[in-house]
Protein backbone atom coordinates (compact mmCIF):
# COMPACT_ATOMS: atom_id res chain seq x y z
CA MET A 1 -0.14 2.58 37.74
CA SER A 2 -3.57 4.19 37.83
CA VAL A 3 -5.76 4.99 34.83
CA ASP A 4 -4.91 8.69 35.10
CA GLU A 5 -1.13 8.19 34.94
CA THR A 6 0.76 8.62 31.70
CA PRO A 7 2.60 5.46 30.66
CA ARG A 8 6.39 5.73 30.72
CA GLU A 9 6.82 3.86 27.44
CA ALA A 10 4.82 3.87 24.25
CA ALA A 11 3.23 0.65 23.11
CA PRO A 12 5.66 -1.29 20.90
CA GLU A 13 2.99 -1.80 18.23
CA GLN A 14 0.11 0.31 17.02
CA PRO A 15 -3.32 -1.15 17.70
CA ALA A 16 -5.26 -2.72 14.83
CA VAL A 17 -8.55 -1.07 13.92
CA PHE A 18 -11.14 -3.52 12.61
CA ASP A 19 -14.35 -2.41 10.91
CA VAL A 20 -17.08 -4.34 9.08
CA ASP A 21 -19.79 -2.78 6.91
CA VAL A 22 -22.59 -4.63 5.12
CA VAL A 23 -23.50 -2.99 1.82
CA GLY A 24 -26.29 -4.74 -0.05
CA ASP A 25 -25.34 -8.39 -0.38
CA ARG A 26 -21.62 -7.78 0.33
CA ALA A 27 -19.64 -7.42 3.54
CA LEU A 28 -16.59 -5.17 3.56
CA ALA A 29 -14.11 -5.91 6.33
CA SER A 30 -11.18 -3.56 6.82
CA VAL A 31 -8.22 -3.73 9.14
CA GLU A 32 -5.77 -0.87 9.60
CA ARG A 33 -2.55 -0.94 11.56
CA GLY A 34 -0.16 1.94 11.15
CA ASP A 35 0.66 2.39 7.47
CA VAL A 36 -0.91 -0.93 6.43
CA SER A 37 -4.56 -1.25 5.40
CA LEU A 38 -6.37 -4.36 4.23
CA VAL A 39 -9.91 -4.49 2.86
CA VAL A 40 -11.72 -7.76 2.15
CA GLU A 41 -15.00 -8.04 0.29
CA ALA A 42 -17.11 -11.15 0.82
CA PRO A 43 -20.74 -12.28 0.56
CA ALA A 44 -22.78 -10.78 3.41
CA GLY A 45 -23.76 -14.21 4.76
CA ILE A 46 -20.21 -15.56 5.12
CA SER A 47 -19.44 -17.02 8.52
CA ALA A 48 -16.45 -15.99 10.60
CA GLU A 49 -15.05 -19.50 10.19
CA GLU A 50 -15.31 -19.35 6.38
CA LEU A 51 -13.63 -15.97 6.27
CA GLU A 52 -10.88 -17.12 8.62
CA GLN A 53 -10.25 -20.22 6.49
CA THR A 54 -10.10 -18.14 3.31
CA LEU A 55 -7.60 -15.69 4.79
CA ALA A 56 -5.52 -18.29 6.69
CA GLY A 57 -2.53 -18.16 4.30
CA LEU A 58 -2.53 -14.39 3.82
CA PRO A 59 0.32 -13.46 6.21
CA GLU A 60 2.62 -16.05 4.62
CA SER A 61 1.63 -14.88 1.13
CA ILE A 62 2.46 -11.28 2.02
CA GLU A 63 5.84 -12.36 3.38
CA ARG A 64 6.65 -14.33 0.18
CA THR A 65 5.62 -11.42 -2.05
CA THR A 66 7.59 -8.92 0.03
CA GLY A 67 10.65 -11.17 -0.20
CA ARG A 68 10.37 -11.35 -3.99
CA PHE A 69 10.26 -7.59 -4.37
CA ALA A 70 12.86 -6.82 -1.69
CA ASP A 71 15.72 -7.91 -3.96
CA SER A 72 14.45 -6.21 -7.13
CA THR A 73 15.28 -2.67 -8.19
CA THR A 74 12.37 -0.28 -7.98
CA MET A 75 11.77 2.71 -10.21
CA SER A 76 12.44 5.00 -7.27
CA ALA A 77 15.92 3.46 -7.06
CA ASN A 78 16.69 4.55 -10.63
CA THR A 79 20.21 5.95 -10.61
CA THR A 80 20.23 7.40 -14.13
CA GLU A 81 22.23 10.59 -14.01
CA SER A 82 21.20 13.78 -15.76
CA ASP A 83 23.50 16.55 -16.93
CA GLY A 84 20.79 19.13 -16.21
CA SER A 85 20.10 19.90 -19.87
CA SER A 86 16.74 19.35 -21.50
CA ASP A 87 16.15 16.54 -23.97
CA ILE A 88 14.03 18.93 -26.05
CA GLU A 89 15.88 20.50 -28.95
CA GLU A 90 15.89 24.26 -28.72
CA THR A 91 15.27 26.14 -31.98
CA GLY A 92 15.61 29.78 -32.92
CA ASP A 93 12.59 31.97 -33.52
CA ASP A 94 13.22 32.02 -37.29
CA ASP A 95 13.34 28.23 -37.56
CA VAL A 96 9.76 27.25 -38.30
CA GLY A 97 10.58 23.83 -39.71
CA GLY A 98 8.96 22.45 -42.79
CA GLY A 99 10.25 20.88 -45.99
CA ALA A 100 12.88 21.90 -48.53
């Protein structure tokens, strides 16, 4: 296939976009892949080896955390039914409240 040809299949995974900015004495590294974004802030002088060692357990940690929340009920899964009426008590125009 030449460079000008359109591929017959889409790539199975979206490419990761990696960006590093140095702001003052801090380095901000961001990685984006599809709907997932990760930003890491570190001292500007950190070496690639130090950063790699610090982040080494991150994928496993994300998997553990995802597993913990996968079995729990989220607020969006709330199945409370509503009868369509309002919880606010409706009053007539002549009912102004007050004491006896």
